Structure formats: structure tokens, C-alpha cells
Amino acid sequence: MKNNHGGIFGQGFPNDTYAKYFIGSSYLNPLSKEGEYLPIANVTFEPSCRNNWHIHHSKLPVGQILICVDGEGWYQEEGKEAQHLNAGDIVEIPSNVKHWHGAVKDKWFSHIAFSIPEEGATTEWCEPVSDEEYNKLKK
């Protein structure tokens, strides 16, 4: 699939499996082979797209790592100010912390996402980030 988004890793295909956990359209480009020890994917968000609040439950200190590769985005932990993200930024998301991530209003955004596989680790999907919450964010 040829396109202009997703940075050097490419946009991939519509993220239909997880679409119910996103506001707006996102795309997924798996970078590791299916069944590999460390699943790695490039996730691309159209402008204003964001995922729901969610929690990576794990016994490890870090639940997920994001490596920003293209565009501009947001990352926010519950109870904290949102962080503006640019290509080159790395976010180590603590385990068991409610958070969300996505694109800014007027730009596409892509990040590589991965978690260290751990028996019993789960992702709990929560409520959407409301338009009211999202529209208050300023760079």
C-alpha cells in the first residue's frame, strides 16, 4: 500500500481490529513477523485521531514503548498534562498507568509501538478521550 504517511516505515493498512478503541482512523504496519517474540508495529493516526484511555497491565516496570517516527502527536497519563510529541521522541509508558496517545488536530502522526511479552500481561481499554478534553490541548 503506497501512501505519504507513516514515515520511513509506511502507513500500512486500516487498523480494523482495534478501530472500536479509536476516535478517527488509524493504520497498522507490522514490522516484525507474525508470531515473533517481540511484536513491533508502526501505528499511524490521521489528524485528530486518538486511542481511548487504556492501561497496560504488567508486572514489568514499563507497559509499552513508543518511538515517534513521523508527524506530531500527544501522549497523556491520567492526572497529568499532555505531552506534545515529535519524530525522535521516545515514551516509556509505565505499567498499570491509564493513558492515551494520538495525533494533533491538523497533522498525521506515526509511532512504533511495542511491549515486552510477558505471561498474563493484558491491555484494558477504557473510555474514549472526549472531544472536550482533546480540544483543550495546545502545543
N, C-alpha and C. Protein backbone atom coordinates (compact mmCIF):
# COMPACT_ATOMS: atom_id res chain seq x y z
N MET A 1 0.86 -1.18 0.00
CA MET A 1 0.00 0.00 0.00
C MET A 1 0.89 1.23 0.00
N LYS A 2 0.85 2.02 -1.07
CA LYS A 2 1.69 3.20 -1.19
C LYS A 2 0.92 4.42 -0.69
N ASN A 3 1.60 5.24 0.11
CA ASN A 3 0.98 6.44 0.66
C ASN A 3 2.07 7.39 1.13
N ASN A 4 1.68 8.53 1.65
CA ASN A 4 2.63 9.54 2.08
C ASN A 4 2.73 9.65 3.59
N HIS A 5 2.19 8.74 4.34
CA HIS A 5 2.18 8.83 5.79
C HIS A 5 2.88 7.63 6.41
N GLY A 6 3.25 7.76 7.66
CA GLY A 6 3.89 6.66 8.36
C GLY A 6 5.40 6.74 8.42
N GLY A 7 5.99 7.79 7.82
CA GLY A 7 7.44 7.92 7.84
C GLY A 7 8.10 6.81 7.04
N ILE A 8 9.34 6.51 7.39
CA ILE A 8 10.10 5.52 6.62
C ILE A 8 9.56 4.11 6.75
N PHE A 9 8.71 3.86 7.75
CA PHE A 9 8.17 2.52 7.96
C PHE A 9 6.85 2.29 7.23
N GLY A 10 6.23 3.35 6.73
CA GLY A 10 5.00 3.21 5.96
C GLY A 10 3.74 3.13 6.80
N GLN A 11 2.67 3.58 6.20
CA GLN A 11 1.37 3.69 6.86
C GLN A 11 0.72 2.35 7.16
N GLY A 12 0.86 1.42 6.27
CA GLY A 12 0.20 0.12 6.47
C GLY A 12 -1.25 0.14 6.05
N PHE A 13 -2.05 -0.64 6.76
CA PHE A 13 -3.45 -0.87 6.39
C PHE A 13 -4.38 -0.40 7.50
N PRO A 14 -5.66 -0.15 7.17
CA PRO A 14 -6.60 0.27 8.21
C PRO A 14 -6.57 -0.67 9.41
N ASN A 15 -6.54 -0.07 10.59
CA ASN A 15 -6.43 -0.79 11.85
C ASN A 15 -7.82 -1.26 12.30
N ASP A 16 -8.44 -2.11 11.47
CA ASP A 16 -9.82 -2.53 11.71
C ASP A 16 -10.01 -3.30 13.01
N THR A 17 -9.02 -4.11 13.39
CA THR A 17 -9.15 -4.93 14.60
C THR A 17 -9.36 -4.08 15.85
N TYR A 18 -8.70 -2.92 15.91
CA TYR A 18 -8.77 -2.06 17.09
C TYR A 18 -9.57 -0.79 16.86
N ALA A 19 -10.26 -0.68 15.74
CA ALA A 19 -10.98 0.55 15.38
C ALA A 19 -11.96 0.99 16.47
N LYS A 20 -12.56 0.04 17.17
CA LYS A 20 -13.55 0.41 18.20
C LYS A 20 -12.90 1.12 19.39
N TYR A 21 -11.58 1.10 19.48
CA TYR A 21 -10.87 1.78 20.56
C TYR A 21 -10.24 3.09 20.13
N PHE A 22 -10.60 3.58 18.95
CA PHE A 22 -10.04 4.82 18.41
C PHE A 22 -11.15 5.78 18.01
N ILE A 23 -10.88 7.07 18.14
CA ILE A 23 -11.71 8.11 17.54
C ILE A 23 -10.94 8.54 16.30
N GLY A 24 -11.53 8.39 15.13
CA GLY A 24 -10.84 8.67 13.88
C GLY A 24 -10.21 7.40 13.33
N SER A 25 -9.51 7.54 12.22
CA SER A 25 -8.91 6.38 11.54
C SER A 25 -7.44 6.23 11.89
N SER A 26 -7.06 4.98 12.17
CA SER A 26 -5.66 4.66 12.40
C SER A 26 -5.27 3.53 11.46
N TYR A 27 -3.95 3.36 11.30
CA TYR A 27 -3.41 2.37 10.37
C TYR A 27 -2.30 1.61 11.07
N LEU A 28 -2.13 0.36 10.69
CA LEU A 28 -1.16 -0.51 11.34
C LEU A 28 -0.24 -1.13 10.30
N ASN A 29 1.05 -1.03 10.54
CA ASN A 29 2.03 -1.67 9.68
C ASN A 29 2.93 -2.55 10.56
N PRO A 30 2.65 -3.86 10.64
CA PRO A 30 3.51 -4.74 11.45
C PRO A 30 4.93 -4.73 10.91
N LEU A 31 5.91 -4.57 11.81
CA LEU A 31 7.31 -4.53 11.40
C LEU A 31 8.04 -5.83 11.70
N SER A 32 7.54 -6.59 12.65
CA SER A 32 8.12 -7.90 12.93
C SER A 32 7.20 -8.96 12.33
N LYS A 33 7.75 -10.14 12.11
CA LYS A 33 6.96 -11.22 11.53
C LYS A 33 5.94 -11.72 12.54
N GLU A 34 4.78 -12.12 12.06
CA GLU A 34 3.73 -12.66 12.93
C GLU A 34 4.28 -13.86 13.71
N GLY A 35 4.01 -13.85 15.00
CA GLY A 35 4.48 -14.93 15.85
C GLY A 35 5.87 -14.71 16.42
N GLU A 36 6.52 -13.61 16.06
CA GLU A 36 7.85 -13.31 16.59
C GLU A 36 7.76 -13.03 18.08
N TYR A 37 8.88 -13.17 18.77
CA TYR A 37 8.94 -12.94 20.22
C TYR A 37 8.51 -11.52 20.59
N LEU A 38 8.95 -10.53 19.83
CA LEU A 38 8.67 -9.14 20.15
C LEU A 38 7.85 -8.51 19.02
N PRO A 39 6.51 -8.50 19.16
CA PRO A 39 5.69 -7.86 18.13
C PRO A 39 5.94 -6.35 18.12
N ILE A 40 6.28 -5.84 16.94
CA ILE A 40 6.56 -4.42 16.76
C ILE A 40 5.71 -3.94 15.59
N ALA A 41 5.07 -2.77 15.76
CA ALA A 41 4.24 -2.22 14.68
C ALA A 41 4.39 -0.71 14.60
N ASN A 42 4.26 -0.20 13.39
CA ASN A 42 4.16 1.24 13.18
C ASN A 42 2.67 1.57 13.16
N VAL A 43 2.26 2.46 14.05
CA VAL A 43 0.86 2.87 14.13
C VAL A 43 0.77 4.30 13.62
N THR A 44 -0.13 4.54 12.66
CA THR A 44 -0.30 5.87 12.08
C THR A 44 -1.72 6.36 12.37
N PHE A 45 -1.80 7.62 12.81
CA PHE A 45 -3.06 8.26 13.16
C PHE A 45 -3.33 9.41 12.19
N GLU A 46 -4.54 9.47 11.63
CA GLU A 46 -4.90 10.64 10.83
C GLU A 46 -5.03 11.83 11.78
N PRO A 47 -5.05 13.08 11.24
CA PRO A 47 -5.22 14.24 12.12
C PRO A 47 -6.43 14.08 13.04
N SER A 48 -6.25 14.44 14.31
CA SER A 48 -7.26 14.38 15.39
C SER A 48 -7.57 12.96 15.87
N CYS A 49 -7.01 11.93 15.26
CA CYS A 49 -7.26 10.57 15.70
C CYS A 49 -6.52 10.32 17.01
N ARG A 50 -7.18 9.60 17.91
CA ARG A 50 -6.54 9.19 19.16
C ARG A 50 -7.18 7.90 19.64
N ASN A 51 -6.40 7.17 20.44
CA ASN A 51 -6.97 5.96 21.00
C ASN A 51 -7.66 6.28 22.33
N ASN A 52 -8.47 5.35 22.80
CA ASN A 52 -9.15 5.52 24.09
C ASN A 52 -8.12 5.49 25.21
N TRP A 53 -8.54 5.97 26.37
CA TRP A 53 -7.77 5.76 27.57
C TRP A 53 -7.58 4.24 27.71
N HIS A 54 -6.41 3.82 28.14
CA HIS A 54 -6.16 2.40 28.31
C HIS A 54 -5.02 2.17 29.30
N ILE A 55 -4.92 0.92 29.75
CA ILE A 55 -3.92 0.55 30.74
C ILE A 55 -3.24 -0.74 30.28
N HIS A 56 -1.91 -0.75 30.29
CA HIS A 56 -1.15 -1.96 30.00
C HIS A 56 -0.82 -2.61 31.35
N HIS A 57 -1.54 -3.66 31.69
CA HIS A 57 -1.31 -4.35 32.96
C HIS A 57 -0.13 -5.31 32.80
N SER A 58 0.85 -5.15 33.68
CA SER A 58 2.06 -5.96 33.60
C SER A 58 2.77 -5.93 34.95
N LYS A 59 3.59 -6.95 35.20
CA LYS A 59 4.46 -6.95 36.38
C LYS A 59 5.77 -6.22 36.10
N LEU A 60 6.05 -5.97 34.82
CA LEU A 60 7.26 -5.26 34.43
C LEU A 60 7.08 -3.76 34.69
N PRO A 61 8.17 -2.99 34.85
CA PRO A 61 8.02 -1.56 35.12
C PRO A 61 7.47 -0.75 33.94
N VAL A 62 7.72 -1.21 32.71
CA VAL A 62 7.27 -0.49 31.52
C VAL A 62 6.24 -1.35 30.79
N GLY A 63 5.05 -0.76 30.53
CA GLY A 63 3.99 -1.49 29.85
C GLY A 63 4.08 -1.43 28.34
N GLN A 64 4.59 -0.30 27.81
CA GLN A 64 4.70 -0.13 26.36
C GLN A 64 5.74 0.95 26.08
N ILE A 65 6.39 0.84 24.93
CA ILE A 65 7.34 1.86 24.49
C ILE A 65 6.87 2.38 23.14
N LEU A 66 6.88 3.70 22.99
CA LEU A 66 6.55 4.36 21.73
C LEU A 66 7.79 5.08 21.22
N ILE A 67 8.09 4.91 19.95
CA ILE A 67 9.17 5.66 19.30
C ILE A 67 8.51 6.45 18.19
N CYS A 68 8.45 7.75 18.35
CA CYS A 68 7.77 8.62 17.39
C CYS A 68 8.62 8.75 16.14
N VAL A 69 8.00 8.50 14.97
CA VAL A 69 8.76 8.47 13.72
C VAL A 69 8.30 9.47 12.68
N ASP A 70 7.11 10.06 12.84
CA ASP A 70 6.63 10.98 11.81
C ASP A 70 5.49 11.84 12.36
N GLY A 71 5.46 13.10 11.98
CA GLY A 71 4.36 13.98 12.33
C GLY A 71 4.41 14.48 13.76
N GLU A 72 3.22 14.84 14.28
CA GLU A 72 3.11 15.37 15.63
C GLU A 72 1.96 14.70 16.36
N GLY A 73 2.17 14.44 17.64
CA GLY A 73 1.14 13.76 18.41
C GLY A 73 1.09 14.19 19.86
N TRP A 74 0.27 13.46 20.60
CA TRP A 74 0.07 13.69 22.04
C TRP A 74 0.21 12.38 22.78
N TYR A 75 0.70 12.49 24.02
CA TYR A 75 0.68 11.38 24.98
C TYR A 75 0.26 11.98 26.31
N GLN A 76 -0.68 11.32 27.00
CA GLN A 76 -1.13 11.83 28.29
C GLN A 76 -1.41 10.70 29.26
N GLU A 77 -0.88 10.85 30.47
CA GLU A 77 -1.22 9.94 31.57
C GLU A 77 -2.32 10.59 32.39
N GLU A 78 -3.19 9.78 32.93
CA GLU A 78 -4.29 10.29 33.75
C GLU A 78 -3.74 11.14 34.91
N GLY A 79 -4.34 12.33 35.05
CA GLY A 79 -3.95 13.24 36.13
C GLY A 79 -2.75 14.11 35.82
N LYS A 80 -2.18 13.98 34.60
CA LYS A 80 -1.01 14.77 34.22
C LYS A 80 -1.32 15.56 32.95
N GLU A 81 -0.49 16.57 32.69
CA GLU A 81 -0.62 17.35 31.46
C GLU A 81 -0.21 16.50 30.26
N ALA A 82 -0.84 16.75 29.12
CA ALA A 82 -0.48 16.05 27.88
C ALA A 82 0.90 16.51 27.42
N GLN A 83 1.65 15.57 26.84
CA GLN A 83 2.97 15.87 26.27
C GLN A 83 2.86 15.92 24.75
N HIS A 84 3.37 17.00 24.17
CA HIS A 84 3.42 17.13 22.71
C HIS A 84 4.59 16.29 22.21
N LEU A 85 4.36 15.49 21.16
CA LEU A 85 5.37 14.57 20.64
C LEU A 85 5.75 14.91 19.21
N ASN A 86 7.03 14.73 18.90
CA ASN A 86 7.57 14.91 17.56
C ASN A 86 8.42 13.70 17.19
N ALA A 87 8.69 13.54 15.90
CA ALA A 87 9.57 12.46 15.45
C ALA A 87 10.86 12.50 16.25
N GLY A 88 11.30 11.33 16.71
CA GLY A 88 12.51 11.22 17.52
C GLY A 88 12.24 11.10 19.01
N ASP A 89 11.05 11.50 19.46
CA ASP A 89 10.70 11.36 20.87
C ASP A 89 10.44 9.90 21.20
N ILE A 90 10.79 9.52 22.43
CA ILE A 90 10.54 8.16 22.92
C ILE A 90 9.75 8.28 24.21
N VAL A 91 8.71 7.48 24.33
CA VAL A 91 7.86 7.47 25.52
C VAL A 91 7.90 6.07 26.12
N GLU A 92 8.33 5.98 27.38
CA GLU A 92 8.27 4.72 28.12
C GLU A 92 7.05 4.80 29.02
N ILE A 93 6.01 4.06 28.68
CA ILE A 93 4.74 4.12 29.40
C ILE A 93 4.80 3.15 30.57
N PRO A 94 4.68 3.66 31.79
CA PRO A 94 4.72 2.76 32.94
C PRO A 94 3.58 1.75 32.90
N SER A 95 3.85 0.56 33.39
CA SER A 95 2.80 -0.45 33.53
C SER A 95 1.73 0.06 34.49
N ASN A 96 0.50 -0.36 34.25
CA ASN A 96 -0.61 -0.12 35.16
C ASN A 96 -0.97 1.36 35.32
N VAL A 97 -0.64 2.18 34.30
CA VAL A 97 -0.96 3.61 34.31
C VAL A 97 -1.93 3.90 33.17
N LYS A 98 -3.04 4.53 33.49
CA LYS A 98 -4.05 4.89 32.49
C LYS A 98 -3.52 6.04 31.64
N HIS A 99 -3.64 5.91 30.31
CA HIS A 99 -3.07 6.90 29.39
C HIS A 99 -3.76 6.78 28.02
N TRP A 100 -3.40 7.72 27.13
CA TRP A 100 -3.83 7.66 25.73
C TRP A 100 -2.74 8.31 24.88
N HIS A 101 -2.81 8.08 23.55
CA HIS A 101 -1.91 8.75 22.62
C HIS A 101 -2.60 8.90 21.27
N GLY A 102 -2.16 9.88 20.49
CA GLY A 102 -2.76 10.12 19.19
C GLY A 102 -2.17 11.34 18.51
N ALA A 103 -2.77 11.73 17.40
CA ALA A 103 -2.29 12.83 16.57
C ALA A 103 -2.79 14.18 17.07
N VAL A 104 -2.06 15.23 16.71
CA VAL A 104 -2.56 16.58 16.94
C VAL A 104 -3.69 16.83 15.94
N LYS A 105 -4.39 17.94 16.10
CA LYS A 105 -5.59 18.21 15.29
C LYS A 105 -5.35 18.29 13.79
N ASP A 106 -4.19 18.84 13.40
CA ASP A 106 -4.01 19.17 11.98
C ASP A 106 -2.85 18.45 11.30
N LYS A 107 -2.31 17.41 11.94
CA LYS A 107 -1.19 16.68 11.33
C LYS A 107 -1.33 15.18 11.56
N TRP A 108 -0.81 14.41 10.62
CA TRP A 108 -0.72 12.97 10.79
C TRP A 108 0.37 12.68 11.82
N PHE A 109 0.33 11.49 12.42
CA PHE A 109 1.30 11.12 13.44
C PHE A 109 1.54 9.61 13.37
N SER A 110 2.80 9.21 13.49
CA SER A 110 3.14 7.78 13.50
C SER A 110 4.14 7.48 14.60
N HIS A 111 3.94 6.34 15.25
CA HIS A 111 4.91 5.85 16.22
C HIS A 111 5.04 4.35 16.10
N ILE A 112 6.24 3.87 16.40
CA ILE A 112 6.46 2.45 16.54
C ILE A 112 6.03 2.10 17.96
N ALA A 113 5.31 1.01 18.13
CA ALA A 113 4.85 0.59 19.45
C ALA A 113 5.25 -0.86 19.70
N PHE A 114 5.73 -1.11 20.92
CA PHE A 114 5.99 -2.49 21.32
C PHE A 114 5.96 -2.61 22.84
N SER A 115 5.71 -3.82 23.27
CA SER A 115 5.71 -4.19 24.68
C SER A 115 6.52 -5.46 24.83
N ILE A 116 7.23 -5.59 25.94
CA ILE A 116 7.96 -6.83 26.19
C ILE A 116 6.93 -7.91 26.52
N PRO A 117 6.91 -9.01 25.78
CA PRO A 117 5.93 -10.06 26.05
C PRO A 117 6.10 -10.61 27.47
N GLU A 118 4.99 -10.80 28.13
CA GLU A 118 5.00 -11.31 29.49
C GLU A 118 3.73 -12.14 29.69
N GLU A 119 3.87 -13.30 30.24
CA GLU A 119 2.70 -14.14 30.51
C GLU A 119 1.76 -13.40 31.46
N GLY A 120 0.50 -13.34 31.09
CA GLY A 120 -0.52 -12.69 31.91
C GLY A 120 -0.68 -11.20 31.68
N ALA A 121 0.18 -10.58 30.86
CA ALA A 121 0.04 -9.15 30.57
C ALA A 121 -1.21 -8.92 29.73
N THR A 122 -1.94 -7.84 30.02
CA THR A 122 -3.16 -7.52 29.28
C THR A 122 -3.25 -6.02 29.04
N THR A 123 -4.10 -5.64 28.11
CA THR A 123 -4.44 -4.24 27.89
C THR A 123 -5.91 -4.07 28.22
N GLU A 124 -6.19 -3.13 29.09
CA GLU A 124 -7.57 -2.80 29.47
C GLU A 124 -7.96 -1.52 28.74
N TRP A 125 -8.94 -1.62 27.85
CA TRP A 125 -9.43 -0.46 27.11
C TRP A 125 -10.53 0.22 27.91
N CYS A 126 -10.44 1.53 28.04
CA CYS A 126 -11.36 2.32 28.85
C CYS A 126 -12.15 3.27 27.95
N GLU A 127 -12.64 4.34 28.53
CA GLU A 127 -13.49 5.29 27.83
C GLU A 127 -12.70 6.09 26.79
N PRO A 128 -13.40 6.62 25.77
CA PRO A 128 -12.75 7.49 24.78
C PRO A 128 -12.27 8.79 25.41
N VAL A 129 -11.26 9.40 24.79
CA VAL A 129 -10.85 10.75 25.14
C VAL A 129 -11.90 11.66 24.51
N SER A 130 -12.62 12.40 25.32
CA SER A 130 -13.74 13.20 24.81
C SER A 130 -13.23 14.34 23.93
N ASP A 131 -14.09 14.81 23.03
CA ASP A 131 -13.76 15.98 22.22
C ASP A 131 -13.43 17.17 23.12
N GLU A 132 -14.16 17.32 24.22
CA GLU A 132 -13.92 18.44 25.14
C GLU A 132 -12.50 18.36 25.72
N GLU A 133 -12.08 17.19 26.19
CA GLU A 133 -10.72 17.01 26.71
C GLU A 133 -9.68 17.28 25.62
N TYR A 134 -9.90 16.68 24.46
CA TYR A 134 -8.94 16.76 23.36
C TYR A 134 -8.80 18.19 22.84
N ASN A 135 -9.92 18.89 22.68
CA ASN A 135 -9.89 20.23 22.10
C ASN A 135 -9.25 21.27 23.01
N LYS A 136 -9.04 20.95 24.29
CA LYS A 136 -8.35 21.86 25.21
C LYS A 136 -6.82 21.82 25.04
N LEU A 137 -6.31 20.81 24.34
CA LEU A 137 -4.86 20.66 24.22
C LEU A 137 -4.28 21.73 23.29
N LYS A 138 -3.15 22.29 23.74
CA LYS A 138 -2.45 23.30 22.94
C LYS A 138 -0.96 22.98 22.92
N LYS A 139 -0.36 23.14 21.74
CA LYS A 139 1.09 22.90 21.59
C LYS A 139 1.88 23.96 22.31
